[in-house]
Amino acid sequence: MTSVGLLYPGHSAEDDYPRIAVLLDSDIRLPIFHTDIGVDAHRVDALMEMGSPARLAAGVEELRLAGAETLMWACTSGSFVRGWDGAHEQTRELAKAAGLPASSTSFAFAHAAQALGVGRVAVAATYPQDITASFAGFLRAAGIEVSAVRASGIVTAAEVGTWGREQVLELARAGDHPDAEAVLLPDTALHTVAHLEELEEALGKPVLTANQVTVWEGLRLADRRVWAEGMGTLFARPEDREWVPA
């Protein structure tokens, strides 16, 4: 049994995680604690507060009691907005509070791209322009080239959570770039897991999405490698991958 504890802000697309659990091995658990989102806004001040130590610490003990072996701050903007060093400090404090290996969705994107051998990406984000640019800067700090950036200007997670299949596919298509080896959709409030295979088929390249990479990173921290159908290239066996890095 492997248990990845998830600190998830508010309520928008957390139902992606039970869907992931069904697609993965039956001995993987993904217990969730919902942190207080505070002001629901993709603004720097609101995002800094959303990822503050006090808000994150609130769910640590509950997830420890649930048997979590690793801990994920299941939020992208609430981590990368602090910058490369600030995001590292955030996860260090979380690991210290939990006594467990910890990471965040921002680092999950960087590590997942590196694991696939991806050096150039396109970012297709729901966020406003300034927040999207901040994520691109975070990726560049990780040594990843950003070929294109698409910002949708959505201010609240609540609105993002209402997006369906057509909007997700259109976002990915609009954000793609010929030079990009993968397309990244960085918002855990966005429902994407049901569309991963269709997204990759439409774009002809790996697509990394926030809830997908969050679980992958938590399993990586637990030294657990899992292959699963329906979860995109990231979870495909190497011999089954139709895409190879350029």
C-alpha atoms as a PDB file:
ATOM      1  CA  MET A   1       0.000   0.000   0.000  1.00  0.00           C
ATOM      2  CA  THR A   2       1.282   3.451  -0.964  1.00  0.00           C
ATOM      3  CA  SER A   3      -0.476   6.540   0.362  1.00  0.00           C
ATOM      4  CA  VAL A   4       0.100  10.023  -1.058  1.00  0.00           C
ATOM      5  CA  GLY A   5      -1.420  12.740   1.125  1.00  0.00           C
ATOM      6  CA  LEU A   6      -2.838  15.719  -0.767  1.00  0.00           C
ATOM      7  CA  LEU A   7      -3.289  19.229   0.595  1.00  0.00           C
ATOM      8  CA  TYR A   8      -5.830  20.656  -1.841  1.00  0.00           C
ATOM      9  CA  PRO A   9      -7.022  24.284  -1.743  1.00  0.00           C
ATOM     10  CA  GLY A  10     -10.778  24.676  -1.666  1.00  0.00           C
ATOM     11  CA  HIS A  11     -13.151  22.652  -3.843  1.00  0.00           C
ATOM     12  CA  SER A  12     -12.885  22.804  -7.630  1.00  0.00           C
ATOM     13  CA  ALA A  13     -11.465  19.697  -9.332  1.00  0.00           C
ATOM     14  CA  GLU A  14     -10.613  17.426  -6.419  1.00  0.00           C
ATOM     15  CA  ASP A  15     -12.751  14.700  -8.022  1.00  0.00           C
ATOM     16  CA  ASP A  16      -9.867  14.208 -10.467  1.00  0.00           C
ATOM     17  CA  TYR A  17      -8.040  12.362  -7.672  1.00  0.00           C
ATOM     18  CA  PRO A  18     -10.556   9.528  -7.108  1.00  0.00           C
ATOM     19  CA  ARG A  19     -10.551   9.104 -10.895  1.00  0.00           C
ATOM     20  CA  ILE A  20      -6.758   8.785 -10.829  1.00  0.00           C
ATOM     21  CA  ALA A  21      -6.946   6.273  -7.980  1.00  0.00           C
ATOM     22  CA  VAL A  22      -9.254   4.076 -10.079  1.00  0.00           C
ATOM     23  CA  LEU A  23      -6.818   4.194 -13.020  1.00  0.00           C
ATOM     24  CA  LEU A  24      -3.814   3.334 -10.844  1.00  0.00           C
ATOM     25  CA  ASP A  25      -3.025   0.185  -8.881  1.00  0.00           C
ATOM     26  CA  SER A  26      -5.574  -0.781  -6.253  1.00  0.00           C
ATOM     27  CA  ASP A  27      -3.023  -0.459  -3.438  1.00  0.00           C
ATOM     28  CA  ILE A  28      -2.517   3.284  -3.987  1.00  0.00           C
ATOM     29  CA  ARG A  29      -4.444   5.682  -1.753  1.00  0.00           C
ATOM     30  CA  LEU A  30      -4.836   9.445  -2.254  1.00  0.00           C
ATOM     31  CA  PRO A  31      -6.290  10.925   0.947  1.00  0.00           C
ATOM     32  CA  ILE A  32      -7.233  14.606   0.594  1.00  0.00           C
ATOM     33  CA  PHE A  33      -7.356  17.424   3.096  1.00  0.00           C
ATOM     34  CA  HIS A  34      -8.973  20.625   1.846  1.00  0.00           C
ATOM     35  CA  THR A  35      -7.045  23.694   2.929  1.00  0.00           C
ATOM     36  CA  ASP A  36      -8.728  27.064   3.406  1.00  0.00           C
ATOM     37  CA  ILE A  37      -8.408  28.844   0.079  1.00  0.00           C
ATOM     38  CA  GLY A  38      -8.984  32.268   1.642  1.00  0.00           C
ATOM     39  CA  VAL A  39      -9.646  34.794  -1.128  1.00  0.00           C
ATOM     40  CA  ASP A  40     -10.297  32.890  -4.353  1.00  0.00           C
ATOM     41  CA  ALA A  41      -8.247  34.970  -6.747  1.00  0.00           C
ATOM     42  CA  HIS A  42      -5.290  34.403  -9.035  1.00  0.00           C
ATOM     43  CA  ARG A  43      -3.511  37.431  -7.587  1.00  0.00           C
ATOM     44  CA  VAL A  44      -0.053  37.423  -6.056  1.00  0.00           C
ATOM     45  CA  ASP A  45      -1.204  38.568  -2.611  1.00  0.00           C
ATOM     46  CA  ALA A  46      -4.051  36.035  -2.438  1.00  0.00           C
ATOM     47  CA  LEU A  47      -1.857  33.195  -3.686  1.00  0.00           C
ATOM     48  CA  MET A  48       0.907  34.002  -1.201  1.00  0.00           C
ATOM     49  CA  GLU A  49      -1.609  33.823   1.641  1.00  0.00           C
ATOM     50  CA  MET A  50      -3.224  30.652   0.284  1.00  0.00           C
ATOM     51  CA  GLY A  51       0.133  28.884   0.497  1.00  0.00           C
ATOM     52  CA  SER A  52       1.139  30.332   3.849  1.00  0.00           C
ATOM     53  CA  PRO A  53       2.617  27.956   6.466  1.00  0.00           C
ATOM     54  CA  ALA A  54      -0.395  28.260   8.774  1.00  0.00           C
ATOM     55  CA  ARG A  55      -2.884  27.270   6.067  1.00  0.00           C
ATOM     56  CA  LEU A  56      -0.792  24.313   4.936  1.00  0.00           C
ATOM     57  CA  ALA A  57      -0.016  23.099   8.453  1.00  0.00           C
ATOM     58  CA  ALA A  58      -3.724  22.776   9.215  1.00  0.00           C
ATOM     59  CA  GLY A  59      -4.072  19.505   7.311  1.00  0.00           C
ATOM     60  CA  VAL A  60      -0.750  17.891   8.076  1.00  0.00           C
ATOM     61  CA  GLU A  61      -1.756  15.943  11.177  1.00  0.00           C
ATOM     62  CA  GLU A  62      -4.950  14.641   9.581  1.00  0.00           C
ATOM     63  CA  LEU A  63      -3.011  13.286   6.624  1.00  0.00           C
ATOM     64  CA  ARG A  64      -0.399  11.744   8.901  1.00  0.00           C
ATOM     65  CA  LEU A  65      -3.182   9.944  10.761  1.00  0.00           C
ATOM     66  CA  ALA A  66      -4.535   8.795   7.392  1.00  0.00           C
ATOM     67  CA  GLY A  67      -1.227   7.011   6.818  1.00  0.00           C
ATOM     68  CA  ALA A  68       0.294   9.322   4.220  1.00  0.00           C
ATOM     69  CA  GLU A  69       3.847   8.348   3.280  1.00  0.00           C
ATOM     70  CA  THR A  70       4.480  11.458   1.217  1.00  0.00           C
ATOM     71  CA  LEU A  71       2.804  14.849   1.194  1.00  0.00           C
ATOM     72  CA  MET A  72       1.885  17.015  -1.788  1.00  0.00           C
ATOM     73  CA  TRP A  73       0.802  20.644  -1.797  1.00  0.00           C
ATOM     74  CA  ALA A  74      -1.660  20.078  -4.631  1.00  0.00           C
ATOM     75  CA  CYS A  75      -1.488  23.605  -5.958  1.00  0.00           C
ATOM     76  CA  THR A  76       0.585  25.146  -8.721  1.00  0.00           C
ATOM     77  CA  SER A  77       0.048  28.891  -8.406  1.00  0.00           C
ATOM     78  CA  GLY A  78       0.216  28.762  -4.608  1.00  0.00           C
ATOM     79  CA  SER A  79       3.801  27.527  -4.889  1.00  0.00           C
ATOM     80  CA  PHE A  80       5.490  28.993  -8.002  1.00  0.00           C
ATOM     81  CA  VAL A  81       4.250  32.491  -7.111  1.00  0.00           C
ATOM     82  CA  ARG A  82       6.901  32.447  -4.381  1.00  0.00           C
ATOM     83  CA  GLY A  83       9.664  32.014  -6.923  1.00  0.00           C
ATOM     84  CA  TRP A  84      12.156  29.174  -7.165  1.00  0.00           C
ATOM     85  CA  ASP A  85      13.771  29.711  -3.762  1.00  0.00           C
ATOM     86  CA  GLY A  86      10.514  30.570  -2.015  1.00  0.00           C
ATOM     87  CA  ALA A  87       8.813  27.447  -3.357  1.00  0.00           C
ATOM     88  CA  HIS A  88      11.713  25.348  -2.070  1.00  0.00           C
ATOM     89  CA  GLU A  89      11.385  26.960   1.345  1.00  0.00           C
ATOM     90  CA  GLN A  90       7.649  26.254   1.323  1.00  0.00           C
ATOM     91  CA  THR A  91       8.133  22.533   0.710  1.00  0.00           C
ATOM     92  CA  ARG A  92      10.993  22.324   3.220  1.00  0.00           C
ATOM     93  CA  GLU A  93       8.735  23.773   5.904  1.00  0.00           C
ATOM     94  CA  LEU A  94       5.935  21.416   4.910  1.00  0.00           C
ATOM     95  CA  ALA A  95       8.243  18.393   5.079  1.00  0.00           C
ATOM     96  CA  LYS A  96       9.511  19.527   8.457  1.00  0.00           C
ATOM     97  CA  ALA A  97       5.989  19.970   9.826  1.00  0.00           C
ATOM     98  CA  ALA A  98       4.842  16.607   8.500  1.00  0.00           C
ATOM     99  CA  GLY A  99       7.984  14.591   9.087  1.00  0.00           C
ATOM    100  CA  LEU A 100       7.447  13.256   5.570  1.00  0.00           C
ATOM    101  CA  PRO A 101       8.898  13.824   2.098  1.00  0.00           C
ATOM    102  CA  ALA A 102       6.967  16.747   0.603  1.00  0.00           C
ATOM    103  CA  SER A 103       6.691  18.600  -2.673  1.00  0.00           C
ATOM    104  CA  SER A 104       4.259  20.750  -4.652  1.00  0.00           C
ATOM    105  CA  THR A 105       2.598  20.723  -8.035  1.00  0.00           C
ATOM    106  CA  SER A 106       5.051  23.323  -9.358  1.00  0.00           C
ATOM    107  CA  PHE A 107       8.020  21.051  -8.710  1.00  0.00           C
ATOM    108  CA  ALA A 108       5.996  18.122 -10.021  1.00  0.00           C
ATOM    109  CA  PHE A 109       5.786  19.805 -13.429  1.00  0.00           C
ATOM    110  CA  ALA A 110       9.536  20.393 -13.524  1.00  0.00           C
ATOM    111  CA  HIS A 111      10.403  16.868 -12.410  1.00  0.00           C
ATOM    112  CA  ALA A 112       7.871  15.242 -14.754  1.00  0.00           C
ATOM    113  CA  ALA A 113       9.200  17.148 -17.767  1.00  0.00           C
ATOM    114  CA  GLN A 114      12.756  16.182 -16.835  1.00  0.00           C
ATOM    115  CA  ALA A 115      11.743  12.534 -16.396  1.00  0.00           C
ATOM    116  CA  LEU A 116      10.339  12.502 -19.944  1.00  0.00           C
ATOM    117  CA  GLY A 117      13.438  14.154 -21.347  1.00  0.00           C
ATOM    118  CA  VAL A 118      11.463  17.250 -22.308  1.00  0.00           C
ATOM    119  CA  GLY A 119      13.553  20.395 -22.714  1.00  0.00           C
ATOM    120  CA  ARG A 120      11.069  22.743 -24.433  1.00  0.00           C
ATOM    121  CA  VAL A 121       7.459  23.230 -23.393  1.00  0.00           C
ATOM    122  CA  ALA A 122       4.425  25.360 -24.130  1.00  0.00           C
ATOM    123  CA  VAL A 123       2.343  26.643 -21.231  1.00  0.00           C
ATOM    124  CA  ALA A 124      -1.438  26.729 -21.650  1.00  0.00           C
ATOM    125  CA  ALA A 125      -2.787  28.314 -18.476  1.00  0.00           C
ATOM    126  CA  THR A 126      -6.140  29.364 -17.114  1.00  0.00           C
ATOM    127  CA  TYR A 127      -4.440  32.179 -15.172  1.00  0.00           C
ATOM    128  CA  PRO A 128      -4.129  35.910 -15.866  1.00  0.00           C
ATOM    129  CA  GLN A 129      -1.066  36.999 -17.826  1.00  0.00           C
ATOM    130  CA  ASP A 130       1.141  37.998 -14.885  1.00  0.00           C
ATOM    131  CA  ILE A 131       0.568  34.739 -13.016  1.00  0.00           C
ATOM    132  CA  THR A 132       1.164  32.702 -16.170  1.00  0.00           C
ATOM    133  CA  ALA A 133       4.419  34.572 -16.759  1.00  0.00           C
ATOM    134  CA  SER A 134       5.457  33.728 -13.199  1.00  0.00           C
ATOM    135  CA  PHE A 135       4.978  30.016 -13.904  1.00  0.00           C
ATOM    136  CA  ALA A 136       7.035  30.297 -17.084  1.00  0.00           C
ATOM    137  CA  GLY A 137       9.789  31.937 -15.048  1.00  0.00           C
ATOM    138  CA  PHE A 138       9.660  29.079 -12.546  1.00  0.00           C
ATOM    139  CA  LEU A 139      10.108  26.540 -15.342  1.00  0.00           C
ATOM    140  CA  ARG A 140      13.052  28.466 -16.758  1.00  0.00           C
ATOM    141  CA  ALA A 141      14.651  28.420 -13.303  1.00  0.00           C
ATOM    142  CA  ALA A 142      14.344  24.617 -13.502  1.00  0.00           C
ATOM    143  CA  GLY A 143      16.282  24.640 -16.772  1.00  0.00           C
ATOM    144  CA  ILE A 144      13.256  24.155 -19.029  1.00  0.00           C
ATOM    145  CA  GLU A 145      12.857  26.290 -22.142  1.00  0.00           C
ATOM    146  CA  VAL A 146       9.398  27.821 -22.581  1.00  0.00           C
ATOM    147  CA  SER A 147       8.534  28.124 -26.279  1.00  0.00           C
ATOM    148  CA  ALA A 148       5.107  29.725 -25.851  1.00  0.00           C
ATOM    149  CA  VAL A 149       2.807  31.025 -23.149  1.00  0.00           C
ATOM    150  CA  ARG A 150      -0.985  31.203 -23.296  1.00  0.00           C
ATOM    151  CA  ALA A 151      -2.930  32.986 -20.542  1.00  0.00           C
ATOM    152  CA  SER A 152      -6.719  32.725 -20.315  1.00  0.00           C
ATOM    153  CA  GLY A 153      -7.266  35.509 -17.804  1.00  0.00           C
ATOM    154  CA  ILE A 154      -9.458  33.510 -15.402  1.00  0.00           C
ATOM    155  CA  VAL A 155      -9.323  35.028 -11.917  1.00  0.00           C
ATOM    156  CA  THR A 156     -10.985  32.388  -9.717  1.00  0.00           C
ATOM    157  CA  ALA A 157     -10.516  28.665  -9.173  1.00  0.00           C
ATOM    158  CA  ALA A 158     -14.292  28.359  -8.868  1.00  0.00           C
ATOM    159  CA  GLU A 159     -14.721  29.424 -12.503  1.00  0.00           C
ATOM    160  CA  VAL A 160     -11.896  27.164 -13.694  1.00  0.00           C
ATOM    161  CA  GLY A 161     -13.591  24.219 -11.998  1.00  0.00           C
ATOM    162  CA  THR A 162     -16.636  24.638 -14.248  1.00  0.00           C
ATOM    163  CA  TRP A 163     -14.650  24.170 -17.474  1.00  0.00           C
ATOM    164  CA  GLY A 164     -15.494  21.043 -19.453  1.00  0.00           C
ATOM    165  CA  ARG A 165     -13.939  18.933 -22.166  1.00  0.00           C
ATOM    166  CA  GLU A 166     -14.271  21.395 -25.046  1.00  0.00           C
ATOM    167  CA  GLN A 167     -12.745  24.268 -23.092  1.00  0.00           C
ATOM    168  CA  VAL A 168      -9.837  22.123 -21.912  1.00  0.00           C
ATOM    169  CA  LEU A 169      -9.112  20.888 -25.445  1.00  0.00           C
ATOM    170  CA  GLU A 170      -9.324  24.414 -26.849  1.00  0.00           C
ATOM    171  CA  LEU A 171      -6.962  25.717 -24.166  1.00  0.00           C
ATOM    172  CA  ALA A 172      -4.386  23.042 -24.989  1.00  0.00           C
ATOM    173  CA  ARG A 173      -4.650  23.594 -28.743  1.00  0.00           C
ATOM    174  CA  ALA A 174      -4.391  27.366 -28.380  1.00  0.00           C
ATOM    175  CA  GLY A 175      -1.368  27.066 -26.118  1.00  0.00           C
ATOM    176  CA  ASP A 176       0.593  24.584 -28.221  1.00  0.00           C
ATOM    177  CA  HIS A 177       3.617  25.610 -30.276  1.00  0.00           C
ATOM    178  CA  PRO A 178       5.489  23.688 -33.004  1.00  0.00           C
ATOM    179  CA  ASP A 179       8.769  23.945 -31.085  1.00  0.00           C
ATOM    180  CA  ALA A 180       7.299  22.611 -27.840  1.00  0.00           C
ATOM    181  CA  GLU A 181       7.993  18.979 -26.976  1.00  0.00           C
ATOM    182  CA  ALA A 182       5.142  18.959 -24.450  1.00  0.00           C
ATOM    183  CA  VAL A 183       2.232  21.165 -23.385  1.00  0.00           C
ATOM    184  CA  LEU A 184       1.682  22.000 -19.705  1.00  0.00           C
ATOM    185  CA  LEU A 185      -1.718  22.867 -18.186  1.00  0.00           C
ATOM    186  CA  PRO A 186      -0.891  24.227 -14.719  1.00  0.00           C
ATOM    187  CA  ASP A 187      -4.019  24.489 -12.558  1.00  0.00           C
ATOM    188  CA  THR A 188      -5.253  21.891 -10.057  1.00  0.00           C
ATOM    189  CA  ALA A 189      -8.689  23.553 -10.256  1.00  0.00           C
ATOM    190  CA  LEU A 190      -8.985  22.345 -13.869  1.00  0.00           C
ATOM    191  CA  HIS A 191     -10.576  18.967 -14.615  1.00  0.00           C
ATOM    192  CA  THR A 192      -8.167  17.228 -16.998  1.00  0.00           C
ATOM    193  CA  VAL A 193      -7.756  13.566 -16.039  1.00  0.00           C
ATOM    194  CA  ALA A 194     -10.723  12.350 -18.080  1.00  0.00           C
ATOM    195  CA  HIS A 195      -9.257  14.052 -21.148  1.00  0.00           C
ATOM    196  CA  LEU A 196      -5.569  13.095 -20.993  1.00  0.00           C
ATOM    197  CA  GLU A 197      -5.592  10.571 -23.830  1.00  0.00           C
ATOM    198  CA  GLU A 198      -7.677  12.824 -26.062  1.00  0.00           C
ATOM    199  CA  LEU A 199      -5.416  15.792 -25.337  1.00  0.00           C
ATOM    200  CA  GLU A 200      -2.292  13.884 -26.334  1.00  0.00           C
ATOM    201  CA  GLU A 201      -3.969  12.460 -29.440  1.00  0.00           C
ATOM    202  CA  ALA A 202      -5.094  15.945 -30.497  1.00  0.00           C
ATOM    203  CA  LEU A 203      -1.662  17.519 -30.021  1.00  0.00           C
ATOM    204  CA  GLY A 204       0.548  14.584 -30.949  1.00  0.00           C
ATOM    205  CA  LYS A 205       2.830  15.111 -27.958  1.00  0.00           C
ATOM    206  CA  PRO A 206       2.866  14.621 -24.174  1.00  0.00           C
ATOM    207  CA  VAL A 207       0.467  16.769 -22.168  1.00  0.00           C
ATOM    208  CA  LEU A 208       1.207  17.323 -18.493  1.00  0.00           C
ATOM    209  CA  THR A 209      -1.629  18.522 -16.280  1.00  0.00           C
ATOM    210  CA  ALA A 210      -1.642  19.654 -12.686  1.00  0.00           C
ATOM    211  CA  ASN A 211      -3.543  16.868 -10.927  1.00  0.00           C
ATOM    212  CA  GLN A 212      -1.800  14.220 -13.031  1.00  0.00           C
ATOM    213  CA  VAL A 213       1.732  15.399 -12.201  1.00  0.00           C
ATOM    214  CA  THR A 214       0.840  15.971  -8.539  1.00  0.00           C
ATOM    215  CA  VAL A 215       0.087  12.278  -8.028  1.00  0.00           C
ATOM    216  CA  TRP A 216       3.114  11.240 -10.089  1.00  0.00           C
ATOM    217  CA  GLU A 217       5.380  13.391  -7.912  1.00  0.00           C
ATOM    218  CA  GLY A 218       3.926  12.004  -4.688  1.00  0.00           C
ATOM    219  CA  LEU A 219       4.558   8.479  -5.924  1.00  0.00           C
ATOM    220  CA  ARG A 220       8.073   9.442  -7.018  1.00  0.00           C
ATOM    221  CA  LEU A 221       8.814  10.666  -3.503  1.00  0.00           C
ATOM    222  CA  ALA A 222       7.634   7.283  -2.226  1.00  0.00           C
ATOM    223  CA  ASP A 223       9.952   5.485  -4.689  1.00  0.00           C
ATOM    224  CA  ARG A 224       6.895   3.987  -6.351  1.00  0.00           C
ATOM    225  CA  ARG A 225       6.807   3.765 -10.149  1.00  0.00           C
ATOM    226  CA  VAL A 226       3.383   3.055 -11.559  1.00  0.00           C
ATOM    227  CA  TRP A 227       2.285   2.391 -15.135  1.00  0.00           C
ATOM    228  CA  ALA A 228      -1.333   3.064 -16.014  1.00  0.00           C
ATOM    229  CA  GLU A 229      -3.521   3.316 -19.084  1.00  0.00           C
ATOM    230  CA  GLY A 230      -5.519   6.496 -19.540  1.00  0.00           C
ATOM    231  CA  MET A 231      -3.013   8.633 -17.665  1.00  0.00           C
ATOM    232  CA  GLY A 232      -0.978   9.941 -20.577  1.00  0.00           C
ATOM    233  CA  THR A 233       2.649   9.524 -21.592  1.00  0.00           C
ATOM    234  CA  LEU A 234       3.863  10.293 -18.074  1.00  0.00           C
ATOM    235  CA  PHE A 235       2.354   7.042 -16.771  1.00  0.00           C
ATOM    236  CA  ALA A 236       2.967   4.934 -19.894  1.00  0.00           C
ATOM    237  CA  ARG A 237       5.578   2.206 -19.957  1.00  0.00           C
ATOM    238  CA  PRO A 238       8.643   3.431 -21.881  1.00  0.00           C
ATOM    239  CA  GLU A 239       8.201   0.740 -24.534  1.00  0.00           C
ATOM    240  CA  ASP A 240       4.579   1.826 -25.068  1.00  0.00           C
ATOM    241  CA  ARG A 241       5.321   5.522 -25.595  1.00  0.00           C
ATOM    242  CA  GLU A 242       4.654   6.700 -29.131  1.00  0.00           C
ATOM    243  CA  TRP A 243       6.586   9.923 -28.432  1.00  0.00           C
ATOM    244  CA  VAL A 244      10.310  10.170 -27.903  1.00  0.00           C
ATOM    245  CA  PRO A 245      12.250  13.367 -27.139  1.00  0.00           C
ATOM    246  CA  ALA A 246      13.781  15.148 -30.108  1.00  0.00           C
END
